Protein backbone atom coordinates (compact mmCIF):
# COMPACT_ATOMS: atom_id res chain seq x y z
CA UNK A 1 -16.40 -66.50 -55.18
CA UNK A 2 -13.43 -65.46 -57.29
CA UNK A 3 -10.91 -66.08 -54.50
CA UNK A 4 -12.30 -69.09 -52.71
CA UNK A 5 -8.97 -70.99 -52.87
CA UNK A 6 -6.76 -69.87 -49.92
CA UNK A 7 -3.62 -70.94 -51.77
CA UNK A 8 -4.58 -68.65 -54.63
CA UNK A 9 -5.16 -65.83 -52.14
CA UNK A 10 -1.64 -66.31 -50.77
CA UNK A 11 -0.13 -66.40 -54.25
CA UNK A 12 -1.99 -63.25 -55.27
CA UNK A 13 -0.70 -61.43 -52.19
CA UNK A 14 2.89 -62.58 -52.71
CA UNK A 15 2.74 -61.45 -56.33
CA UNK A 16 1.79 -57.97 -55.08
CA UNK A 17 4.03 -57.83 -52.02
CA UNK A 18 5.57 -54.49 -52.97
CA UNK A 19 2.12 -52.92 -53.27
CA UNK A 20 0.98 -53.84 -49.74
CA UNK A 21 0.55 -50.76 -47.59
CA UNK A 22 0.53 -48.41 -50.56
CA UNK A 23 -2.20 -46.61 -52.51
CA UNK A 24 -2.82 -49.64 -54.75
CA UNK A 25 -3.84 -51.86 -51.82
CA UNK A 26 -6.95 -51.70 -49.68
CA UNK A 27 -5.33 -51.84 -46.27
CA UNK A 28 -7.36 -53.93 -43.88
CA UNK A 29 -6.16 -55.77 -40.79
CA UNK A 30 -6.45 -59.53 -40.85
CA UNK A 31 -8.73 -60.75 -38.10
CA UNK A 32 -5.85 -62.35 -36.21
CA UNK A 33 -4.06 -59.02 -35.90
CA UNK A 34 -7.34 -57.30 -35.01
CA UNK A 35 -7.83 -59.75 -32.14
CA UNK A 36 -4.26 -59.25 -30.97
CA UNK A 37 -4.55 -55.46 -30.95
CA UNK A 38 -7.81 -55.61 -28.96
CA UNK A 39 -6.08 -57.45 -26.12
CA UNK A 40 -7.01 -57.89 -23.27
CA UNK A 41 -10.56 -57.82 -24.60
CA UNK A 42 -12.15 -60.40 -26.87
CA UNK A 43 -13.37 -59.99 -30.43
CA UNK A 44 -13.22 -56.96 -32.71
CA UNK A 45 -15.12 -54.27 -34.57
CA UNK A 46 -18.64 -55.32 -35.73
CA UNK A 47 -18.98 -57.57 -32.66
CA UNK A 48 -20.93 -55.25 -30.38
CA UNK A 49 -21.33 -57.88 -27.70
CA UNK A 50 -17.65 -57.85 -26.71
CA UNK A 51 -15.46 -55.01 -25.48
CA UNK A 52 -12.79 -55.77 -28.06
CA UNK A 53 -15.23 -54.32 -30.54
CA UNK A 54 -16.65 -51.49 -28.45
CA UNK A 55 -14.40 -50.23 -25.63
CA UNK A 56 -12.10 -47.33 -26.46
CA UNK A 57 -10.05 -44.85 -24.50
CA UNK A 58 -11.19 -41.23 -24.65
CA UNK A 59 -9.25 -38.04 -23.97
CA UNK A 60 -11.08 -34.90 -22.86
CA UNK A 61 -9.08 -31.68 -23.19
CA UNK A 62 -10.67 -28.51 -21.79
CA UNK A 63 -8.15 -26.29 -19.96
CA UNK A 64 -10.73 -23.64 -19.07
CA UNK A 65 -13.18 -26.15 -17.67
CA UNK A 66 -11.05 -28.89 -16.07
CA UNK A 67 -8.50 -27.95 -13.42
CA UNK A 68 -6.95 -31.39 -12.92
CA UNK A 69 -4.21 -32.40 -15.36
CA UNK A 70 -3.81 -36.02 -16.39
CA UNK A 71 -6.72 -37.29 -14.34
CA UNK A 72 -8.38 -40.64 -15.00
CA UNK A 73 -12.12 -41.32 -14.82
CA UNK A 74 -13.56 -44.81 -14.60
CA UNK A 75 -17.30 -44.11 -14.68
CA UNK A 76 -19.05 -45.99 -17.47
CA UNK A 77 -19.77 -43.81 -20.49
CA UNK A 78 -20.83 -44.25 -24.09
CA UNK A 79 -20.42 -42.37 -27.36
CA UNK A 80 -23.98 -41.05 -26.97
CA UNK A 81 -22.70 -39.07 -23.96
CA UNK A 82 -20.46 -36.84 -26.09
CA UNK A 83 -23.15 -34.54 -27.52
CA UNK A 84 -24.78 -33.87 -24.11
CA UNK A 85 -21.31 -33.15 -22.70
CA UNK A 86 -20.53 -30.59 -25.41
CA UNK A 87 -23.92 -28.92 -24.96
CA UNK A 88 -23.45 -28.61 -21.20
CA UNK A 89 -19.89 -27.30 -21.58
CA UNK A 90 -21.12 -24.70 -24.07
CA UNK A 91 -24.10 -23.76 -21.93
CA UNK A 92 -26.55 -24.69 -24.66
CA UNK A 93 -29.91 -26.44 -24.28
CA UNK A 94 -30.63 -29.68 -26.07
CA UNK A 95 -32.44 -28.84 -29.33
CA UNK A 96 -36.01 -30.07 -29.49
CA UNK A 97 -36.66 -29.02 -33.11
CA UNK A 98 -34.22 -28.66 -36.01
CA UNK A 99 -35.40 -27.08 -39.27
CA UNK A 100 -38.97 -27.69 -38.15
CA UNK A 101 -38.41 -31.37 -37.40
CA UNK A 102 -39.10 -32.55 -33.87
CA UNK A 103 -36.05 -34.30 -32.44
CA UNK A 104 -35.86 -37.60 -30.56
CA UNK A 105 -34.58 -36.77 -27.05
CA UNK A 106 -30.90 -37.57 -26.56
CA UNK A 107 -30.36 -40.77 -24.61
CA UNK A 108 -26.85 -39.92 -23.37
CA UNK A 109 -25.68 -38.39 -20.11
CA UNK A 110 -23.23 -35.48 -19.91
CA UNK A 111 -19.80 -36.48 -18.62
CA UNK A 112 -19.25 -33.06 -17.06
CA UNK A 113 -20.30 -34.34 -13.61
CA UNK A 114 -17.09 -36.39 -13.45
CA UNK A 115 -14.64 -33.68 -14.50
CA UNK A 116 -14.09 -32.31 -11.00
CA UNK A 117 -14.84 -35.46 -9.02
CA UNK A 118 -13.09 -38.71 -9.92
CA UNK A 119 -15.24 -40.56 -7.37
CA UNK A 120 -18.59 -39.15 -8.52
CA UNK A 121 -21.46 -41.64 -8.65
CA UNK A 122 -21.82 -43.13 -12.12
CA UNK A 123 -24.77 -41.61 -13.99
CA UNK A 124 -24.83 -43.68 -17.19
CA UNK A 125 -25.68 -46.93 -15.45
CA UNK A 126 -27.43 -48.89 -18.22
CA UNK A 127 -26.50 -49.39 -21.88
CA UNK A 128 -27.45 -51.95 -24.51
CA UNK A 129 -25.24 -53.02 -27.45
CA UNK A 130 -26.35 -54.74 -30.66
CA UNK A 131 -25.03 -55.28 -34.18
CA UNK A 132 -26.44 -58.06 -36.40
CA UNK A 133 -27.51 -60.15 -33.40
CA UNK A 134 -24.29 -59.80 -31.39
CA UNK A 135 -25.66 -58.15 -28.27
CA UNK A 136 -24.91 -57.19 -24.69
CA UNK A 137 -26.20 -55.17 -21.77
CA UNK A 138 -24.29 -53.16 -19.16
CA UNK A 139 -26.03 -52.36 -15.88
CA UNK A 140 -24.49 -50.98 -12.68
CA UNK A 141 -21.18 -52.74 -13.15
CA UNK A 142 -22.56 -56.02 -14.49
CA UNK A 143 -22.14 -57.03 -18.11
CA UNK A 144 -24.02 -59.81 -19.95
CA UNK A 145 -23.28 -60.69 -23.56
CA UNK A 146 -23.71 -63.27 -26.31
CA UNK A 147 -21.96 -63.83 -29.62
CA UNK A 148 -24.45 -64.56 -32.38
CA UNK A 149 -22.31 -64.57 -35.52
CA UNK A 150 -18.74 -63.67 -36.43
CA UNK A 151 -18.54 -61.01 -39.19
CA UNK A 152 -17.10 -63.51 -41.68
CA UNK A 153 -19.52 -66.35 -40.95
CA UNK A 154 -22.23 -67.06 -43.50
CA UNK A 155 -24.78 -68.28 -40.95
CA UNK A 156 -25.47 -67.45 -37.29
CA UNK A 157 -24.39 -69.87 -34.60
CA UNK A 158 -27.88 -70.11 -33.16
CA UNK A 159 -31.29 -68.46 -33.46
CA UNK A 160 -31.91 -65.02 -32.03
CA UNK A 161 -34.32 -66.59 -29.55
CA UNK A 162 -31.68 -68.99 -28.22
CA UNK A 163 -30.27 -67.64 -24.93
CA UNK A 164 -28.10 -70.66 -24.16
CA UNK A 165 -24.75 -68.99 -24.82
CA UNK A 166 -24.97 -65.79 -22.75
CA UNK A 167 -22.07 -64.92 -20.46
CA UNK A 168 -22.02 -62.79 -17.32
CA UNK A 169 -19.23 -60.63 -15.89
CA UNK A 170 -18.68 -58.28 -12.95
CA UNK A 171 -16.72 -55.42 -14.50
CA UNK A 172 -15.91 -53.90 -11.10
CA UNK A 173 -13.51 -56.73 -10.30
CA UNK A 174 -12.88 -58.22 -13.77
CA UNK A 175 -11.40 -55.58 -16.06
CA UNK A 176 -10.70 -57.91 -19.00
CA UNK A 177 -13.93 -59.92 -18.67
CA UNK A 178 -12.14 -63.20 -18.14
CA UNK A 179 -14.30 -64.76 -15.39
CA UNK A 180 -17.71 -65.87 -16.66
CA UNK A 181 -20.16 -65.92 -13.73
CA UNK A 182 -23.23 -67.13 -15.66
CA UNK A 183 -23.24 -70.56 -14.02
CA UNK A 184 -22.72 -69.17 -10.49
CA UNK A 185 -25.28 -66.39 -10.79
CA UNK A 186 -28.10 -67.41 -13.15
CA UNK A 187 -30.53 -65.04 -11.43
CA UNK A 188 -28.43 -61.99 -12.26
CA UNK A 189 -27.98 -63.21 -15.85
CA UNK A 190 -31.74 -63.65 -16.26
CA UNK A 191 -32.27 -60.16 -14.84
CA UNK A 192 -29.89 -58.63 -17.36
CA UNK A 193 -31.34 -60.60 -20.27
CA UNK A 194 -34.78 -59.23 -19.41
CA UNK A 195 -33.31 -55.73 -19.09
CA UNK A 196 -31.71 -56.06 -22.52
CA UNK A 197 -35.11 -56.74 -24.08
CA UNK A 198 -36.59 -53.73 -22.27
CA UNK A 199 -33.83 -51.45 -23.55
CA UNK A 200 -33.99 -52.95 -27.03
CA UNK A 201 -37.71 -52.31 -27.20
CA UNK A 202 -37.29 -48.78 -25.82
CA UNK A 203 -34.67 -47.76 -28.38
CA UNK A 204 -36.03 -49.43 -31.52
CA UNK A 205 -33.71 -52.44 -31.72
CA UNK A 206 -36.58 -54.91 -31.95
CA UNK A 207 -37.21 -56.89 -34.00
CA UNK A 208 -33.53 -57.80 -34.24
CA UNK A 209 -32.26 -58.49 -37.73
CA UNK A 210 -29.17 -60.66 -38.16
CA UNK A 211 -28.92 -60.22 -41.92
CA UNK A 212 -25.76 -58.38 -42.97
CA UNK A 213 -25.20 -58.34 -46.72
CA UNK A 214 -28.93 -58.27 -47.47
CA UNK A 215 -29.35 -55.13 -45.37
CA UNK A 216 -26.94 -53.24 -47.61
CA UNK A 217 -29.75 -53.04 -50.19
CA UNK A 218 -32.46 -50.84 -48.64
CA UNK A 219 -35.08 -51.94 -51.16
CA UNK A 220 -34.59 -55.59 -50.23
CA UNK A 221 -35.17 -55.17 -46.50
CA UNK A 222 -37.33 -52.07 -46.14
CA UNK A 223 -34.52 -49.93 -44.73
CA UNK A 224 -35.01 -46.15 -45.01
CA UNK A 225 -33.68 -44.90 -48.33
CA UNK A 226 -33.46 -41.25 -49.37
CA UNK A 227 -34.24 -42.11 -53.01
CA UNK A 228 -36.69 -44.93 -52.34
CA UNK A 229 -39.28 -45.30 -55.08
CA UNK A 230 -37.38 -43.18 -57.60
CA UNK A 231 -36.54 -44.77 -60.92
CA UNK A 232 -34.26 -42.02 -62.21
CA UNK A 233 -31.79 -39.38 -61.05
CA UNK A 234 -30.75 -36.38 -63.14
CA UNK A 235 -27.32 -34.88 -62.54
CA UNK A 236 -25.19 -32.08 -63.97
CA UNK A 237 -21.54 -31.14 -64.16
CA UNK A 238 -20.15 -30.08 -60.78
CA UNK A 239 -22.22 -32.54 -58.76
CA UNK A 240 -19.52 -34.46 -56.89
CA UNK A 241 -18.90 -36.19 -53.58
CA UNK A 242 -22.19 -38.11 -53.55
CA UNK A 243 -22.08 -41.00 -51.08
CA UNK A 244 -24.11 -44.11 -51.84
CA UNK A 245 -26.87 -43.08 -49.45
CA UNK A 246 -27.74 -40.05 -51.62
CA UNK A 247 -27.24 -41.71 -55.01
CA UNK A 248 -29.75 -43.86 -56.82
CA UNK A 249 -29.10 -47.55 -56.13
CA UNK A 250 -27.86 -49.22 -59.33
CA UNK A 251 -26.91 -52.53 -57.71
CA UNK A 252 -28.72 -55.80 -58.47
CA UNK A 253 -30.84 -54.28 -61.21
CA UNK A 254 -30.75 -53.04 -64.79
CA UNK A 255 -29.74 -49.45 -65.47
CA UNK A 256 -29.39 -46.91 -68.25
CA UNK A 257 -26.98 -43.97 -68.11
CA UNK A 258 -27.64 -41.17 -70.60
CA UNK A 259 -25.12 -38.33 -70.81
CA UNK A 260 -25.36 -35.18 -72.90
CA UNK A 261 -21.86 -33.88 -73.61
CA UNK A 262 -20.17 -31.09 -75.54
CA UNK A 263 -16.91 -32.25 -77.13
CA UNK A 264 -14.31 -29.49 -77.61
CA UNK A 265 -12.36 -28.95 -80.83
CA UNK A 266 -9.31 -30.64 -79.42
CA UNK A 267 -11.26 -33.78 -78.54
CA UNK A 268 -12.61 -35.09 -75.25
CA UNK A 269 -10.96 -36.96 -72.42
CA UNK A 270 -11.90 -37.75 -68.83
CA UNK A 271 -14.66 -38.96 -66.57
CA UNK A 272 -18.31 -38.32 -67.38
CA UNK A 273 -19.83 -40.14 -64.39
CA UNK A 274 -18.12 -42.48 -61.95
CA UNK A 275 -19.10 -44.22 -58.74
CA UNK A 276 -16.66 -45.95 -56.41
CA UNK A 277 -12.95 -46.32 -57.07
CA UNK A 278 -9.96 -48.60 -57.41
CA UNK A 279 -11.45 -51.27 -55.15
CA UNK A 280 -14.88 -51.42 -56.73
CA UNK A 281 -17.05 -49.21 -58.91
CA UNK A 282 -17.98 -48.18 -62.45
CA UNK A 283 -17.31 -45.30 -64.80
CA UNK A 284 -18.64 -43.84 -68.03
CA UNK A 285 -15.73 -41.93 -69.56
CA UNK A 286 -13.85 -40.88 -72.67
CA UNK A 287 -10.23 -41.93 -73.20
CA UNK A 288 -8.33 -40.04 -75.90
CA UNK A 289 -11.61 -39.22 -77.62
CA UNK A 290 -13.09 -42.75 -77.50
CA UNK A 291 -16.13 -43.37 -75.23
CA UNK A 292 -16.21 -46.37 -72.90
CA UNK A 293 -17.78 -47.86 -69.80
CA UNK A 294 -15.80 -49.86 -67.24
CA UNK A 295 -17.04 -52.06 -64.40
CA UNK A 296 -14.51 -52.72 -61.66
CA UNK A 297 -15.55 -55.72 -59.56
CA UNK A 298 -13.86 -55.33 -56.16
CA UNK A 299 -10.55 -54.52 -57.83
CA UNK A 300 -10.36 -58.19 -58.83
CA UNK A 301 -11.98 -58.21 -62.24
CA UNK A 302 -12.30 -55.27 -64.64
CA UNK A 303 -14.57 -55.27 -67.67
CA UNK A 304 -14.47 -52.60 -70.38
CA UNK A 305 -17.16 -51.93 -73.00
CA UNK A 306 -15.40 -49.47 -75.31
CA UNK A 307 -16.07 -47.92 -78.67
CA UNK A 308 -13.51 -47.74 -81.46
CA UNK A 309 -14.06 -44.27 -82.99
CA UNK A 310 -13.36 -40.86 -81.48
CA UNK A 311 -16.22 -38.50 -80.73
CA UNK A 312 -16.30 -35.57 -83.18
CA UNK A 313 -16.41 -32.01 -81.83
CA UNK A 314 -19.85 -30.76 -80.85
CA UNK A 315 -22.83 -32.12 -79.01
CA UNK A 316 -23.27 -35.84 -78.47
CA UNK A 317 -25.43 -38.18 -76.45
CA UNK A 318 -23.71 -41.15 -74.85
CA UNK A 319 -25.75 -43.98 -73.42
CA UNK A 320 -24.82 -47.13 -71.57
CA UNK A 321 -27.51 -49.78 -71.09
CA UNK A 322 -26.98 -52.63 -68.64
CA UNK A 323 -29.43 -55.54 -68.71
CA UNK A 324 -29.12 -57.39 -65.42
CA UNK A 325 -29.40 -61.18 -65.46
CA UNK A 326 -31.56 -61.31 -62.33
CA UNK A 327 -31.81 -64.37 -60.13
CA UNK A 328 -30.45 -62.78 -56.98
CA UNK A 329 -27.86 -60.22 -55.88
CA UNK A 330 -24.40 -59.85 -57.40
CA UNK A 331 -25.22 -61.40 -60.76
CA UNK A 332 -23.88 -60.30 -64.14
CA UNK A 333 -25.46 -58.88 -67.25
CA UNK A 334 -25.04 -57.51 -70.75
CA UNK A 335 -23.76 -54.01 -71.42
CA UNK A 336 -24.35 -51.93 -74.54
CA UNK A 337 -22.72 -48.58 -75.36
CA UNK A 338 -24.45 -46.19 -77.76
CA UNK A 339 -23.44 -42.85 -79.30
CA UNK A 340 -26.30 -40.70 -80.63
CA UNK A 341 -28.54 -43.75 -80.58
CA UNK A 342 -26.16 -45.99 -82.54
CA UNK A 343 -24.60 -49.04 -80.89
CA UNK A 344 -20.82 -48.76 -80.87
CA UNK A 345 -19.88 -51.57 -78.45
CA UNK A 346 -21.30 -54.33 -76.31
CA UNK A 347 -19.95 -56.83 -73.83
CA UNK A 348 -20.75 -59.06 -70.91
CA UNK A 349 -20.09 -58.13 -67.29
CA UNK A 350 -19.85 -61.42 -65.40
CA UNK A 351 -19.92 -60.14 -61.80
CA UNK A 352 -21.41 -57.09 -60.07
CA UNK A 353 -21.13 -55.90 -56.49
CA UNK A 354 -24.22 -56.78 -54.51
CA UNK A 355 -24.08 -54.62 -51.41
CA UNK A 356 -21.76 -51.63 -51.53
CA UNK A 357 -19.13 -50.10 -53.78
CA UNK A 358 -17.17 -48.36 -51.04
CA UNK A 359 -17.48 -46.97 -47.54
CA UNK A 360 -15.75 -43.73 -48.52
CA UNK A 361 -15.61 -43.34 -52.31
CA UNK A 362 -18.26 -41.22 -54.00
CA UNK A 363 -20.21 -40.69 -57.22
CA UNK A 364 -18.97 -37.74 -59.26
CA UNK A 365 -19.95 -35.98 -62.49
CA UNK A 366 -17.08 -34.76 -64.66
CA UNK A 367 -14.33 -36.06 -62.39
CA UNK A 368 -13.38 -39.18 -60.40
CA UNK A 369 -12.56 -38.15 -56.84
CA UNK A 370 -10.64 -40.42 -54.50
CA UNK A 371 -9.05 -43.44 -56.14
CA UNK A 372 -9.64 -44.12 -59.85
CA UNK A 373 -12.17 -46.59 -61.16
CA UNK A 374 -10.23 -46.59 -64.43
CA UNK A 375 -6.46 -46.46 -63.97
CA UNK A 376 -5.87 -45.09 -67.47
CA UNK A 377 -8.10 -42.10 -66.70
CA UNK A 378 -6.77 -41.52 -63.20
CA UNK A 379 -8.44 -39.61 -60.40
CA UNK A 380 -8.84 -36.10 -59.04
CA UNK A 381 -7.55 -33.32 -61.37
CA UNK A 382 -6.18 -35.77 -63.91
CA UNK A 383 -9.65 -37.23 -64.51
CA UNK A 384 -11.52 -33.97 -65.25
CA UNK A 385 -13.62 -34.12 -68.40
CA UNK A 386 -12.19 -31.73 -70.96
CA UNK A 387 -15.55 -30.86 -72.49
CA UNK A 388 -18.88 -29.94 -70.92
CA UNK A 389 -21.59 -32.17 -69.41
CA UNK A 390 -24.95 -30.35 -69.38
CA UNK A 391 -26.89 -33.36 -68.10
CA UNK A 392 -26.54 -36.98 -67.02
CA UNK A 393 -29.53 -39.17 -66.22
CA UNK A 394 -29.32 -42.51 -64.41
CA UNK A 395 -32.37 -44.76 -64.70
CA UNK A 396 -32.93 -48.09 -62.96
CA UNK A 397 -35.48 -50.79 -63.66
């Protein structure tokens, strides 16, 4: 890891103190603050077994449908109840087919039954939770849970088959889940553990998979992938806003980007194709007439493979070839930049991102939306390519 020394991490942060909280920093709560803000519950986001990571307040505003103002409802509910609630409020049936595709029946329960009756009998009485092996089950006021692995831990604390660390709570009398009743009521715990497996089987959770980073690469784990099996993707100018799920996966493999461009008389400048942004990504671009390719590793290390001569006006074919080292995810490789078939630059990229470039940045042709991969090019309107891009092809191997 580039930042494995905690003292170096602290120094790096202090050196950039004035940037914290601004557009040049990726704002993310430290886990200590996340824990504190989830009080009185334990744990945080990604830990589905604990209410610190799952329980949230919800406001329902519907003046024409709810007479009471400022009422509070304590019946158990889940995010899967929202769609059935909206459908019932709108007087619409649950769709069974959409665009010819048969739909899986909704598992949620409309919350409308509670709007006029604060004491109405709870209708969503059972719900499982699971993320990467952290799992729990709610049933008629009881809650059983187990922590399998913290989000930052490399290895799980125990096997998925090990049930030795489950806890049991009565939510009706223990709002913050502070009183573990597993030792006093092993029969109820065993009942809920069995119910969890039933629900997990019913809703496709089994077999559980506690891999995290590996699952980011669909090809490595057999996860559904829109472009699975495709070795190339052809794009054109105007194709923007492509999230990683709809873009060919260039991570952990070799790739070739071939762009056909028209350079105007005044010279070219701007993004040809970019994916990701300031905190991780890559870009094929032209800066003041000179073609280049940049790889931005997590915003920590930037590598540029740039030519030296400006592109003349007219048609040109730019190509960037990356030969991946192999030997596992996140390795480096050799990059070569060509113009009309002639090599104009080459260089080594020591590190690549193994799992994801960004949760919200996109791939864009002719512009770099969001934050910039290449600071000198910029993003949004500033990054628009001044010429034309009839076609860009991305091939992986």
